N, C-alpha and C. Protein backbone atom coordinates (compact mmCIF):
# COMPACT_ATOMS: atom_id res chain seq x y z
N MET A 1 34.54 -5.48 22.54
CA MET A 1 34.04 -5.83 21.61
C MET A 1 32.79 -4.80 21.11
N VAL A 2 32.76 -4.86 19.90
CA VAL A 2 31.90 -3.81 19.44
C VAL A 2 30.58 -4.54 18.98
N HIS A 3 29.52 -4.11 19.07
CA HIS A 3 27.97 -4.63 18.84
C HIS A 3 27.48 -3.83 17.80
N PHE A 4 27.20 -4.18 16.61
CA PHE A 4 26.42 -3.39 15.65
C PHE A 4 25.05 -4.00 15.74
N VAL A 5 24.24 -2.92 15.86
CA VAL A 5 22.69 -2.86 15.80
C VAL A 5 22.14 -2.44 14.81
N ARG A 6 21.33 -3.43 14.04
CA ARG A 6 20.53 -2.91 12.75
C ARG A 6 19.25 -2.15 13.20
N SER A 7 19.03 -1.32 12.50
CA SER A 7 17.89 -0.64 12.67
C SER A 7 17.14 -0.37 11.31
N ARG A 8 15.80 -0.17 11.16
CA ARG A 8 15.28 0.12 10.07
C ARG A 8 15.52 1.46 9.70
N ARG A 9 15.36 1.60 8.24
CA ARG A 9 15.74 2.98 7.79
C ARG A 9 14.67 3.14 6.56
N SER A 10 13.66 3.93 6.97
CA SER A 10 12.39 4.16 5.71
C SER A 10 12.84 4.53 4.54
N CYS A 11 12.03 4.21 3.43
CA CYS A 11 12.49 4.76 2.08
C CYS A 11 11.58 6.04 1.90
N THR A 12 10.83 6.30 2.71
CA THR A 12 9.82 7.20 2.28
C THR A 12 10.38 8.63 2.75
N ASN A 13 9.87 9.60 1.87
CA ASN A 13 10.16 11.16 1.89
C ASN A 13 9.38 11.88 2.97
N PRO A 14 10.12 12.91 3.81
CA PRO A 14 9.07 13.48 4.74
C PRO A 14 8.48 14.58 4.14
N LYS A 15 8.75 14.99 2.90
CA LYS A 15 7.77 15.93 2.28
C LYS A 15 6.59 14.89 1.88
N LEU A 16 6.60 13.87 1.42
CA LEU A 16 5.47 12.90 1.10
C LEU A 16 4.34 12.81 2.51
N TRP A 17 5.03 12.79 3.65
CA TRP A 17 4.37 12.59 4.90
C TRP A 17 3.38 13.74 5.16
N ASP A 18 4.29 15.11 4.85
CA ASP A 18 3.12 16.29 5.18
C ASP A 18 2.16 16.31 4.26
N VAL A 19 2.09 15.88 3.04
CA VAL A 19 1.14 16.06 1.97
C VAL A 19 -0.10 14.95 2.38
N LEU A 20 0.41 13.71 2.65
CA LEU A 20 -0.68 12.84 2.97
C LEU A 20 -1.34 12.93 4.25
N ARG A 21 -0.62 13.34 5.36
CA ARG A 21 -0.92 13.80 6.75
C ARG A 21 -2.07 14.90 6.43
N ASP A 22 -2.08 16.03 5.62
CA ASP A 22 -3.05 16.89 5.25
C ASP A 22 -4.07 16.05 4.44
N ALA A 23 -3.71 15.41 3.50
CA ALA A 23 -4.75 14.67 2.57
C ALA A 23 -5.71 14.05 3.42
N PHE A 24 -5.21 13.00 4.27
CA PHE A 24 -5.83 11.91 5.22
C PHE A 24 -6.46 12.70 6.49
N GLU A 25 -6.51 13.77 6.89
CA GLU A 25 -7.00 14.77 8.04
C GLU A 25 -6.32 13.82 9.17
N GLN A 26 -5.08 13.70 9.31
CA GLN A 26 -4.45 13.00 10.56
C GLN A 26 -3.81 14.04 11.50
N GLU A 27 -4.16 15.25 11.66
CA GLU A 27 -3.49 16.20 12.45
C GLU A 27 -3.72 15.64 13.40
N GLU A 28 -4.71 15.23 14.31
CA GLU A 28 -4.69 15.03 15.62
C GLU A 28 -4.17 13.56 16.12
N THR A 29 -3.44 12.83 15.17
CA THR A 29 -3.34 11.47 15.71
C THR A 29 -1.49 11.45 15.95
N PRO A 30 -0.98 10.68 16.63
CA PRO A 30 0.21 10.25 16.84
C PRO A 30 1.09 10.14 15.58
N GLU A 31 2.21 10.15 15.85
CA GLU A 31 3.20 10.13 14.55
C GLU A 31 2.58 8.71 13.98
N PRO A 32 2.82 8.48 12.52
CA PRO A 32 2.65 7.17 12.08
C PRO A 32 3.53 6.35 12.57
N VAL A 33 3.28 4.88 12.68
CA VAL A 33 4.32 4.17 12.86
C VAL A 33 4.36 2.94 11.88
N LEU A 34 5.89 2.85 11.74
CA LEU A 34 6.13 1.92 10.67
C LEU A 34 5.74 0.46 11.45
N LEU A 35 4.64 -0.23 10.62
CA LEU A 35 4.21 -1.75 10.95
C LEU A 35 5.38 -2.70 10.27
N TYR A 36 5.33 -2.63 9.23
CA TYR A 36 5.97 -3.55 8.14
C TYR A 36 6.86 -2.90 7.45
N GLN A 37 8.21 -3.87 7.10
CA GLN A 37 8.83 -2.95 5.95
C GLN A 37 9.56 -4.49 5.24
N ALA A 38 9.23 -4.69 4.16
CA ALA A 38 9.84 -6.10 3.53
C ALA A 38 11.07 -6.41 3.86
N SER A 39 11.71 -5.37 3.62
CA SER A 39 13.34 -5.64 3.64
C SER A 39 13.75 -5.82 4.88
N TRP A 40 13.20 -5.59 5.90
CA TRP A 40 13.65 -5.72 7.18
C TRP A 40 12.44 -7.19 8.12
N ASP A 41 11.59 -6.99 7.78
CA ASP A 41 10.62 -7.94 8.54
C ASP A 41 10.37 -9.51 7.55
N GLY A 42 10.85 -9.40 6.13
CA GLY A 42 10.70 -10.52 5.51
C GLY A 42 9.55 -10.21 4.29
N ALA A 43 9.84 -10.08 3.06
CA ALA A 43 8.97 -10.25 1.82
C ALA A 43 8.22 -11.17 1.85
N THR A 44 7.29 -11.57 2.51
CA THR A 44 6.44 -12.59 2.52
C THR A 44 5.00 -12.27 2.90
N THR A 45 3.86 -12.99 2.30
CA THR A 45 2.30 -12.46 2.72
C THR A 45 2.44 -12.72 3.95
N GLU A 46 2.75 -13.85 4.49
CA GLU A 46 2.76 -14.36 5.84
C GLU A 46 3.18 -13.22 6.93
N GLN A 47 4.61 -12.40 6.64
CA GLN A 47 4.91 -11.49 7.15
C GLN A 47 4.25 -10.34 7.38
N PHE A 48 3.95 -10.12 5.97
CA PHE A 48 2.76 -8.84 6.19
C PHE A 48 1.58 -8.94 6.65
N HIS A 49 1.19 -9.88 6.64
CA HIS A 49 -0.58 -10.10 7.61
C HIS A 49 0.08 -10.27 8.95
N SER A 50 0.95 -10.80 9.48
CA SER A 50 1.79 -10.73 10.94
C SER A 50 1.68 -9.37 11.54
N HIS A 51 2.42 -8.62 10.59
CA HIS A 51 2.90 -7.27 11.13
C HIS A 51 1.58 -6.49 11.09
N CYS A 52 0.53 -6.61 9.98
CA CYS A 52 -0.29 -5.35 9.48
C CYS A 52 -2.14 -5.75 10.06
N ASP A 53 -2.32 -7.02 10.04
CA ASP A 53 -3.69 -7.33 10.23
C ASP A 53 -4.20 -6.59 11.67
N GLN A 54 -5.34 -6.24 11.67
CA GLN A 54 -5.79 -5.51 12.79
C GLN A 54 -5.27 -4.45 13.51
N LYS A 55 -4.66 -3.64 12.68
CA LYS A 55 -3.85 -2.48 13.15
C LYS A 55 -4.59 -1.19 12.65
N GLY A 56 -5.72 -1.14 12.25
CA GLY A 56 -6.58 0.03 11.97
C GLY A 56 -5.71 0.99 10.71
N ALA A 57 -6.22 1.88 10.38
CA ALA A 57 -5.89 2.74 9.05
C ALA A 57 -4.38 2.69 8.84
N THR A 58 -4.07 2.31 7.43
CA THR A 58 -2.82 2.15 7.05
C THR A 58 -2.49 2.79 5.94
N VAL A 59 -1.02 3.10 5.53
CA VAL A 59 -0.63 3.93 4.05
C VAL A 59 0.35 2.61 3.80
N VAL A 60 0.25 2.14 2.58
CA VAL A 60 1.07 1.21 2.09
C VAL A 60 2.00 1.92 0.94
N PHE A 61 3.19 1.63 1.07
CA PHE A 61 4.07 2.28 -0.12
C PHE A 61 4.73 0.91 -0.61
N ALA A 62 4.65 1.30 -1.91
CA ALA A 62 5.62 0.45 -2.94
C ALA A 62 6.56 1.22 -3.43
N ILE A 63 7.84 0.95 -3.00
CA ILE A 63 9.10 1.77 -3.56
C ILE A 63 9.62 1.17 -4.61
N LEU A 64 9.77 1.97 -5.79
CA LEU A 64 10.38 1.36 -6.83
C LEU A 64 12.09 1.53 -7.13
N GLU A 65 12.65 0.54 -7.88
CA GLU A 65 14.01 0.83 -7.87
C GLU A 65 14.59 2.28 -8.06
N ASP A 66 13.97 2.86 -8.78
CA ASP A 66 14.04 4.40 -9.40
C ASP A 66 13.68 5.57 -7.97
N SER A 67 13.05 5.08 -7.17
CA SER A 67 12.75 5.57 -5.88
C SER A 67 11.19 6.12 -6.07
N ALA A 68 10.78 5.99 -7.47
CA ALA A 68 9.23 6.38 -7.42
C ALA A 68 8.41 5.48 -6.23
N ILE A 69 7.10 6.09 -5.94
CA ILE A 69 6.50 5.30 -4.76
C ILE A 69 5.25 5.60 -5.31
N TYR A 70 4.46 4.19 -5.33
CA TYR A 70 3.13 4.20 -5.55
C TYR A 70 2.58 3.69 -4.20
N GLY A 71 1.35 4.13 -3.79
CA GLY A 71 0.77 3.91 -2.66
C GLY A 71 -0.69 3.97 -2.46
N ALA A 72 -1.03 3.25 -1.41
CA ALA A 72 -2.60 3.18 -0.94
C ALA A 72 -2.79 3.61 0.37
N TYR A 73 -4.14 4.28 0.79
CA TYR A 73 -4.30 4.49 1.84
C TYR A 73 -5.82 3.69 2.31
N VAL A 74 -5.72 3.04 3.19
CA VAL A 74 -6.80 2.22 3.56
C VAL A 74 -7.39 2.40 4.82
N ASP A 75 -8.50 2.95 5.23
CA ASP A 75 -8.98 3.46 6.34
C ASP A 75 -9.72 2.35 7.52
N VAL A 76 -9.53 0.81 6.81
CA VAL A 76 -10.13 -0.26 7.77
C VAL A 76 -8.67 -0.93 7.94
N PRO A 77 -9.07 -1.92 8.97
CA PRO A 77 -7.83 -2.78 9.41
C PRO A 77 -7.78 -4.07 8.07
N TRP A 78 -6.72 -4.33 7.81
CA TRP A 78 -6.40 -5.50 7.18
C TRP A 78 -6.50 -6.90 8.05
N CYS A 79 -6.82 -7.91 7.21
CA CYS A 79 -7.09 -8.99 8.18
C CYS A 79 -6.95 -10.57 7.19
N THR A 80 -6.78 -11.67 8.05
CA THR A 80 -6.50 -12.75 7.04
C THR A 80 -8.01 -13.74 7.23
N PRO A 81 -8.73 -13.78 6.31
CA PRO A 81 -9.83 -14.42 6.51
C PRO A 81 -9.58 -16.14 6.51
N PRO A 82 -10.03 -16.60 7.59
CA PRO A 82 -9.88 -17.75 8.55
C PRO A 82 -9.83 -18.99 7.27
N ASP A 83 -10.66 -18.73 6.48
CA ASP A 83 -11.19 -19.89 5.47
C ASP A 83 -10.21 -19.49 3.81
N SER A 84 -9.51 -18.30 3.91
CA SER A 84 -8.55 -18.07 3.13
C SER A 84 -9.39 -17.58 1.44
N THR A 85 -10.83 -16.91 2.06
CA THR A 85 -11.59 -16.44 0.85
C THR A 85 -11.21 -15.05 0.95
N VAL A 86 -11.00 -14.52 -0.50
CA VAL A 86 -11.05 -13.11 -0.50
C VAL A 86 -12.32 -12.44 -0.26
N LEU A 87 -11.92 -11.31 0.72
CA LEU A 87 -13.04 -10.30 1.15
C LEU A 87 -13.21 -9.18 0.34
N ARG A 88 -14.01 -8.61 -0.03
CA ARG A 88 -14.03 -7.35 -0.91
C ARG A 88 -14.64 -6.46 0.19
N GLU A 89 -14.38 -5.18 0.49
CA GLU A 89 -15.03 -4.30 1.13
C GLU A 89 -15.49 -2.85 0.54
N ASP A 90 -16.47 -2.23 0.49
CA ASP A 90 -16.52 -1.04 0.10
C ASP A 90 -16.13 0.01 1.23
N VAL A 91 -14.85 0.69 0.84
CA VAL A 91 -13.95 1.44 1.81
C VAL A 91 -14.04 2.89 0.99
N PRO A 92 -15.14 3.74 1.38
CA PRO A 92 -15.14 4.91 0.53
C PRO A 92 -13.97 6.14 0.82
N ASN A 93 -13.37 5.83 1.67
CA ASN A 93 -12.26 6.60 2.13
C ASN A 93 -10.71 6.16 1.60
N SER A 94 -10.69 5.02 1.01
CA SER A 94 -9.45 4.50 0.30
C SER A 94 -9.02 5.34 -1.06
N VAL A 95 -7.80 5.37 -0.96
CA VAL A 95 -7.55 6.03 -2.30
C VAL A 95 -5.87 5.72 -2.75
N LEU A 96 -5.81 5.63 -3.97
CA LEU A 96 -3.93 5.39 -4.59
C LEU A 96 -3.61 6.67 -4.79
N PHE A 97 -2.25 6.60 -4.72
CA PHE A 97 -1.46 7.72 -4.74
C PHE A 97 0.10 7.35 -5.70
N SER A 98 0.73 8.52 -6.03
CA SER A 98 1.99 8.22 -6.28
C SER A 98 2.83 9.33 -6.11
N TYR A 99 4.13 8.98 -6.20
CA TYR A 99 5.16 10.39 -5.86
C TYR A 99 6.35 9.84 -6.32
N THR A 100 6.88 11.39 -7.06
CA THR A 100 8.23 11.43 -7.45
C THR A 100 8.67 12.68 -7.08
N GLU A 101 10.13 13.00 -6.87
CA GLU A 101 10.47 14.24 -6.58
C GLU A 101 9.92 15.30 -7.68
N ALA A 102 10.18 14.86 -8.83
CA ALA A 102 9.80 15.83 -10.20
C ALA A 102 8.19 16.07 -9.83
N ASP A 103 7.53 15.11 -9.80
CA ASP A 103 5.95 15.32 -9.89
C ASP A 103 5.24 15.78 -8.60
N GLY A 104 5.97 15.41 -7.20
CA GLY A 104 5.26 15.34 -6.27
C GLY A 104 4.24 14.50 -5.94
N VAL A 105 3.23 14.83 -5.14
CA VAL A 105 1.94 13.63 -4.86
C VAL A 105 0.79 13.69 -6.06
N ARG A 106 0.45 12.65 -6.33
CA ARG A 106 -0.73 12.57 -7.30
C ARG A 106 -1.63 11.64 -6.77
N PHE A 107 -3.17 11.93 -6.80
CA PHE A 107 -3.89 10.80 -6.05
C PHE A 107 -4.83 10.29 -6.96
N TYR A 108 -5.29 9.14 -6.95
CA TYR A 108 -6.02 8.56 -8.04
C TYR A 108 -7.38 8.00 -6.85
N PRO A 109 -8.53 8.64 -6.93
CA PRO A 109 -9.35 8.22 -6.04
C PRO A 109 -10.37 7.08 -6.59
N ARG A 110 -11.38 6.43 -6.13
CA ARG A 110 -12.21 5.45 -6.77
C ARG A 110 -13.02 6.00 -7.83
N SER A 111 -13.23 5.47 -8.62
CA SER A 111 -13.98 5.83 -9.81
C SER A 111 -15.34 6.03 -9.48
N GLY A 112 -16.06 6.85 -10.21
CA GLY A 112 -17.52 6.82 -10.49
C GLY A 112 -18.06 5.63 -10.95
N ALA A 113 -19.35 5.50 -10.54
CA ALA A 113 -19.89 3.96 -11.10
C ALA A 113 -20.05 3.95 -12.67
N GLY A 114 -19.86 4.76 -13.39
CA GLY A 114 -20.06 4.51 -14.87
C GLY A 114 -18.86 4.58 -15.48
N PHE A 115 -17.75 4.90 -14.82
CA PHE A 115 -16.24 4.89 -15.39
C PHE A 115 -15.25 3.83 -15.39
N MET A 116 -15.60 2.69 -14.44
CA MET A 116 -14.91 1.77 -14.71
C MET A 116 -15.58 0.35 -14.33
N ILE A 117 -14.89 -0.79 -14.33
CA ILE A 117 -15.41 -2.09 -14.42
C ILE A 117 -16.28 -2.31 -12.89
N ARG A 118 -15.51 -2.13 -11.90
CA ARG A 118 -16.09 -2.42 -10.50
C ARG A 118 -16.01 -1.51 -9.77
N PRO A 119 -16.71 -0.29 -9.70
CA PRO A 119 -16.13 0.79 -8.48
C PRO A 119 -16.59 0.54 -7.49
N ARG A 120 -17.28 -0.10 -6.80
CA ARG A 120 -17.27 -0.52 -5.54
C ARG A 120 -16.25 -1.08 -4.78
N VAL A 121 -15.51 -1.98 -5.60
CA VAL A 121 -14.36 -2.80 -4.73
C VAL A 121 -13.28 -2.04 -4.54
N SER A 122 -12.88 -1.95 -3.15
CA SER A 122 -11.97 -1.02 -2.68
C SER A 122 -10.84 -1.80 -2.11
N ILE A 123 -10.99 -3.17 -1.53
CA ILE A 123 -9.47 -3.77 -0.97
C ILE A 123 -10.23 -5.38 -1.10
N LYS A 124 -9.03 -5.98 -1.16
CA LYS A 124 -8.81 -7.66 -1.42
C LYS A 124 -8.12 -8.13 0.01
N MET A 125 -8.88 -8.79 0.63
CA MET A 125 -7.96 -9.61 1.61
C MET A 125 -7.79 -11.15 1.70
N CYS A 126 -6.84 -11.69 1.80
CA CYS A 126 -6.73 -13.00 1.53
C CYS A 126 -5.24 -13.36 2.04
N ALA A 127 -5.30 -14.89 2.60
CA ALA A 127 -4.19 -15.46 3.40
C ALA A 127 -2.89 -15.44 2.39
N SER A 128 -3.19 -15.39 1.16
CA SER A 128 -2.30 -15.72 -0.20
C SER A 128 -1.87 -14.31 -0.53
N LEU A 129 -2.43 -13.15 -0.07
CA LEU A 129 -2.25 -11.65 -0.95
C LEU A 129 -1.61 -10.98 0.11
N GLY A 130 -0.51 -10.26 -0.46
CA GLY A 130 -0.19 -8.97 0.14
C GLY A 130 -1.16 -7.97 -0.22
N PRO A 131 -0.53 -6.62 0.14
CA PRO A 131 -1.70 -5.58 -0.08
C PRO A 131 -2.31 -5.84 -1.23
N SER A 132 -3.94 -5.54 -1.55
CA SER A 132 -4.47 -5.74 -2.79
C SER A 132 -5.59 -4.71 -2.73
N ILE A 133 -5.46 -3.78 -3.81
CA ILE A 133 -6.37 -2.60 -3.69
C ILE A 133 -7.19 -2.80 -5.17
N GLY A 134 -8.47 -2.70 -5.07
CA GLY A 134 -9.23 -2.65 -6.26
C GLY A 134 -9.54 -4.01 -6.96
N ALA A 135 -10.31 -3.96 -7.73
CA ALA A 135 -11.21 -5.50 -8.66
C ALA A 135 -10.07 -5.55 -9.55
N GLY A 136 -9.14 -4.79 -10.23
CA GLY A 136 -8.29 -4.86 -11.31
C GLY A 136 -7.35 -6.43 -11.05
N PRO A 137 -6.67 -6.48 -10.00
CA PRO A 137 -6.55 -5.30 -9.01
C PRO A 137 -5.84 -4.12 -9.45
N ASP A 138 -6.29 -3.20 -8.97
CA ASP A 138 -5.58 -1.62 -9.42
C ASP A 138 -4.17 -1.60 -8.94
N PHE A 139 -3.73 -2.04 -7.55
CA PHE A 139 -2.76 -1.95 -7.12
C PHE A 139 -2.38 -3.39 -6.08
N GLU A 140 -1.54 -3.94 -6.50
CA GLU A 140 -1.31 -5.32 -5.74
C GLU A 140 0.17 -5.62 -5.45
N ILE A 141 0.63 -6.00 -4.54
CA ILE A 141 2.15 -6.35 -4.30
C ILE A 141 1.96 -7.85 -4.36
N HIS A 142 3.06 -8.23 -5.01
CA HIS A 142 3.52 -9.85 -4.91
C HIS A 142 4.76 -10.06 -4.46
N PHE A 143 4.83 -11.15 -3.40
CA PHE A 143 5.95 -11.47 -2.64
C PHE A 143 6.16 -12.84 -3.21
N GLY A 144 7.74 -13.18 -3.26
CA GLY A 144 8.00 -14.24 -4.11
C GLY A 144 9.44 -14.10 -4.46
N ARG A 145 10.21 -14.70 -5.22
CA ARG A 145 11.51 -14.68 -5.49
C ARG A 145 11.86 -12.97 -5.47
N SER A 146 11.17 -12.25 -6.07
CA SER A 146 11.35 -10.60 -5.91
C SER A 146 9.80 -10.15 -5.49
N MET A 147 10.14 -9.04 -5.20
CA MET A 147 8.66 -8.14 -4.77
C MET A 147 8.45 -7.41 -6.10
N MET A 148 7.38 -7.62 -6.54
CA MET A 148 6.63 -6.93 -7.80
C MET A 148 5.27 -5.94 -7.38
N LEU A 149 4.95 -4.81 -7.95
CA LEU A 149 4.05 -4.30 -8.03
C LEU A 149 3.01 -4.32 -9.47
N THR A 150 2.03 -4.80 -9.15
CA THR A 150 1.10 -4.86 -10.47
C THR A 150 0.01 -4.01 -10.19
N GLY A 151 -0.98 -3.17 -11.53
CA GLY A 151 -1.97 -2.65 -11.45
C GLY A 151 -2.56 -2.76 -12.88
N THR A 152 -3.87 -2.92 -12.90
CA THR A 152 -4.74 -3.16 -13.85
C THR A 152 -6.11 -2.04 -13.29
N PRO A 153 -6.18 -1.07 -14.01
CA PRO A 153 -7.37 0.10 -13.75
C PRO A 153 -8.78 -0.82 -13.46
N ALA A 154 -9.60 -0.62 -12.39
CA ALA A 154 -10.97 -1.24 -12.65
C ALA A 154 -11.63 -0.74 -11.58
N SER A 155 -11.08 -0.18 -10.23
CA SER A 155 -12.02 0.49 -9.46
C SER A 155 -11.37 1.98 -9.06
N TYR A 156 -10.60 2.24 -9.52
CA TYR A 156 -9.81 3.67 -9.05
C TYR A 156 -9.17 4.43 -10.53
N GLU A 157 -9.04 5.43 -10.60
CA GLU A 157 -8.72 6.10 -11.56
C GLU A 157 -7.04 5.63 -11.91
N ASP A 158 -6.76 5.46 -12.93
CA ASP A 158 -5.63 4.87 -13.52
C ASP A 158 -4.34 5.76 -12.94
N ALA A 159 -3.40 4.75 -11.75
CA ALA A 159 -2.49 5.35 -11.38
C ALA A 159 -1.05 5.25 -12.49
N ASN A 160 -1.27 4.66 -13.59
CA ASN A 160 0.11 4.62 -14.32
C ASN A 160 0.77 3.59 -13.75
N ILE A 161 0.80 2.75 -13.06
CA ILE A 161 1.66 1.69 -12.64
C ILE A 161 2.15 0.97 -13.79
N PRO A 162 3.46 0.89 -13.87
CA PRO A 162 3.94 0.15 -14.98
C PRO A 162 3.50 -0.99 -15.31
N LEU A 163 3.15 -1.36 -16.25
CA LEU A 163 2.88 -2.93 -16.83
C LEU A 163 4.08 -3.39 -17.46
N PRO A 164 3.77 -4.59 -17.36
CA PRO A 164 3.07 -5.91 -16.67
C PRO A 164 3.38 -5.93 -15.41
N TRP A 165 4.34 -5.18 -14.85
CA TRP A 165 4.86 -5.05 -13.13
C TRP A 165 6.07 -4.21 -13.22
N ALA A 166 6.18 -3.73 -11.76
CA ALA A 166 7.19 -3.03 -11.70
C ALA A 166 8.07 -3.63 -10.52
N ASP A 167 9.41 -3.58 -10.54
CA ASP A 167 10.23 -4.51 -9.57
C ASP A 167 10.20 -3.61 -8.35
N LEU A 168 10.26 -3.79 -7.09
CA LEU A 168 10.24 -3.07 -5.85
C LEU A 168 11.61 -3.34 -5.35
N LYS A 169 12.04 -2.20 -4.64
CA LYS A 169 13.05 -1.94 -3.81
C LYS A 169 12.61 -2.18 -2.26
N ASP A 170 11.50 -1.96 -2.10
CA ASP A 170 10.94 -2.25 -0.57
C ASP A 170 9.52 -1.92 -0.75
N VAL A 171 8.71 -2.66 0.42
CA VAL A 171 7.48 -2.23 0.57
C VAL A 171 7.23 -1.78 2.23
N GLU A 172 6.48 -0.77 2.79
CA GLU A 172 6.35 -0.32 3.78
C GLU A 172 4.91 0.05 4.14
N VAL A 173 4.24 -0.66 5.31
CA VAL A 173 3.33 -0.12 5.68
C VAL A 173 3.07 0.34 7.02
N TRP A 174 2.50 1.61 7.26
CA TRP A 174 2.45 2.61 8.26
C TRP A 174 0.96 2.50 8.67
N ARG A 175 1.01 2.29 9.98
CA ARG A 175 -0.48 2.95 10.89
C ARG A 175 -0.36 4.05 11.09
N LEU A 176 -1.60 4.59 10.77
CA LEU A 176 -1.90 6.17 11.11
C LEU A 176 -2.80 6.45 12.26
């Protein structure tokens, strides 16, 4: 009898990891660890939080159907507030980015105080939300019948996330 074993297969590109490792100064840390992959673990907020809460600095990848990637680096751990209240933290090292084969990696840092609506809001954490970055939210993943990425610039430079949303092929969260 032959047994087949399903295994995870990341949608991210090794070239992208080289650029991110340099940008986030992660040279002396072990290899990144895949904490959550929606296509494998389940595309729900509950699964996101059960795999990602209290794991330290993470990179979130929202992989579009056309293989373009939008992402976020957050250097504080995700959490699920006990009272389901949205928490907002000033996380100075958080950044949004995009990646395509044609354009490579582009970074979208938090905006200066006079540039956007709420520049100090970095991340939102709530039991009913997947990854949510910025006050807009600038980058937010919705789980439901399908996975979607939305973005409205408010705290970060405009990452040009397709509006009103982009359908996702997968979501990955990696611990650095």
